[in-house]
Amino acid sequence: MGIFTELFAKPRPLRVSRQSRGMLILNAMDSAELSDIGIKPADFPQIARDMAAKRRF
């Protein structure tokens, strides 16, 4: 079953992969780091989309 999933699955867009990496980076930061740079957890999705669009990592 696993081989059929790999054969017929659509590849994920690169932007989605970058966005998920951006979310991982933001979630890895502690609250002191986030407050130093002025980011709130509610802003994480927008910041991750911006990071993916700009290809910063």
C-alpha atoms as a PDB file:
ATOM      1  CA  MET A   1       0.000   0.000   0.000  1.00  0.00           C
ATOM      2  CA  GLY A   2       2.849   2.392   0.790  1.00  0.00           C
ATOM      3  CA  ILE A   3       4.403   2.128  -2.656  1.00  0.00           C
ATOM      4  CA  PHE A   4       1.106   3.049  -4.327  1.00  0.00           C
ATOM      5  CA  THR A   5       0.830   6.104  -2.121  1.00  0.00           C
ATOM      6  CA  GLU A   6       4.292   7.246  -3.198  1.00  0.00           C
ATOM      7  CA  LEU A   7       3.609   6.559  -6.865  1.00  0.00           C
ATOM      8  CA  PHE A   8       0.306   8.387  -7.104  1.00  0.00           C
ATOM      9  CA  ALA A   9       0.687  11.144  -4.529  1.00  0.00           C
ATOM     10  CA  LYS A  10       1.084  14.676  -5.818  1.00  0.00           C
ATOM     11  CA  PRO A  11       4.313  16.383  -4.819  1.00  0.00           C
ATOM     12  CA  ARG A  12       3.927  19.113  -2.244  1.00  0.00           C
ATOM     13  CA  PRO A  13       4.611  22.616  -3.513  1.00  0.00           C
ATOM     14  CA  LEU A  14       7.941  24.006  -2.387  1.00  0.00           C
ATOM     15  CA  ARG A  15       6.211  26.986  -0.813  1.00  0.00           C
ATOM     16  CA  VAL A  16       4.257  24.723   1.564  1.00  0.00           C
ATOM     17  CA  SER A  17       7.460  23.013   2.611  1.00  0.00           C
ATOM     18  CA  ARG A  18       9.128  26.345   3.292  1.00  0.00           C
ATOM     19  CA  GLN A  19       6.120  27.572   5.223  1.00  0.00           C
ATOM     20  CA  SER A  20       6.140  24.535   7.494  1.00  0.00           C
ATOM     21  CA  ARG A  21       9.853  25.026   8.149  1.00  0.00           C
ATOM     22  CA  GLY A  22       9.145  28.642   9.076  1.00  0.00           C
ATOM     23  CA  MET A  23       6.489  27.526  11.546  1.00  0.00           C
ATOM     24  CA  LEU A  24       8.963  25.077  13.080  1.00  0.00           C
ATOM     25  CA  ILE A  25      11.527  27.838  13.540  1.00  0.00           C
ATOM     26  CA  LEU A  26       8.988  30.160  15.144  1.00  0.00           C
ATOM     27  CA  ASN A  27       7.650  27.462  17.449  1.00  0.00           C
ATOM     28  CA  ALA A  28      11.177  26.575  18.557  1.00  0.00           C
ATOM     29  CA  MET A  29      11.809  30.081  19.882  1.00  0.00           C
ATOM     30  CA  ASP A  30      11.063  30.699  23.547  1.00  0.00           C
ATOM     31  CA  SER A  31       8.839  33.501  24.828  1.00  0.00           C
ATOM     32  CA  ALA A  32      11.775  35.729  25.822  1.00  0.00           C
ATOM     33  CA  GLU A  33      13.166  35.693  22.278  1.00  0.00           C
ATOM     34  CA  LEU A  34       9.752  36.373  20.788  1.00  0.00           C
ATOM     35  CA  SER A  35       9.064  39.294  23.131  1.00  0.00           C
ATOM     36  CA  ASP A  36      12.487  40.775  22.317  1.00  0.00           C
ATOM     37  CA  ILE A  37      11.635  41.002  18.633  1.00  0.00           C
ATOM     38  CA  GLY A  38       7.944  41.792  19.175  1.00  0.00           C
ATOM     39  CA  ILE A  39       6.280  38.710  17.687  1.00  0.00           C
ATOM     40  CA  LYS A  40       3.062  37.292  19.107  1.00  0.00           C
ATOM     41  CA  PRO A  41       2.014  33.655  18.567  1.00  0.00           C
ATOM     42  CA  ALA A  42      -1.059  34.817  16.651  1.00  0.00           C
ATOM     43  CA  ASP A  43       1.300  36.284  14.022  1.00  0.00           C
ATOM     44  CA  PHE A  44       3.119  32.975  13.368  1.00  0.00           C
ATOM     45  CA  PRO A  45       1.160  31.889  10.261  1.00  0.00           C
ATOM     46  CA  GLN A  46       1.558  35.253   8.538  1.00  0.00           C
ATOM     47  CA  ILE A  47       5.251  35.459   9.372  1.00  0.00           C
ATOM     48  CA  ALA A  48       5.823  31.899   8.129  1.00  0.00           C
ATOM     49  CA  ARG A  49       4.057  32.729   4.831  1.00  0.00           C
ATOM     50  CA  ASP A  50       6.227  35.836   4.461  1.00  0.00           C
ATOM     51  CA  MET A  51       9.373  33.842   5.169  1.00  0.00           C
ATOM     52  CA  ALA A  52       8.355  31.229   2.564  1.00  0.00           C
ATOM     53  CA  ALA A  53       7.641  33.897  -0.036  1.00  0.00           C
ATOM     54  CA  LYS A  54      10.969  35.641   0.534  1.00  0.00           C
ATOM     55  CA  ARG A  55      12.944  32.370   0.683  1.00  0.00           C
ATOM     56  CA  ARG A  56      14.866  33.484   3.736  1.00  0.00           C
ATOM     57  CA  PHE A  57      15.927  29.982   4.773  1.00  0.00           C
END
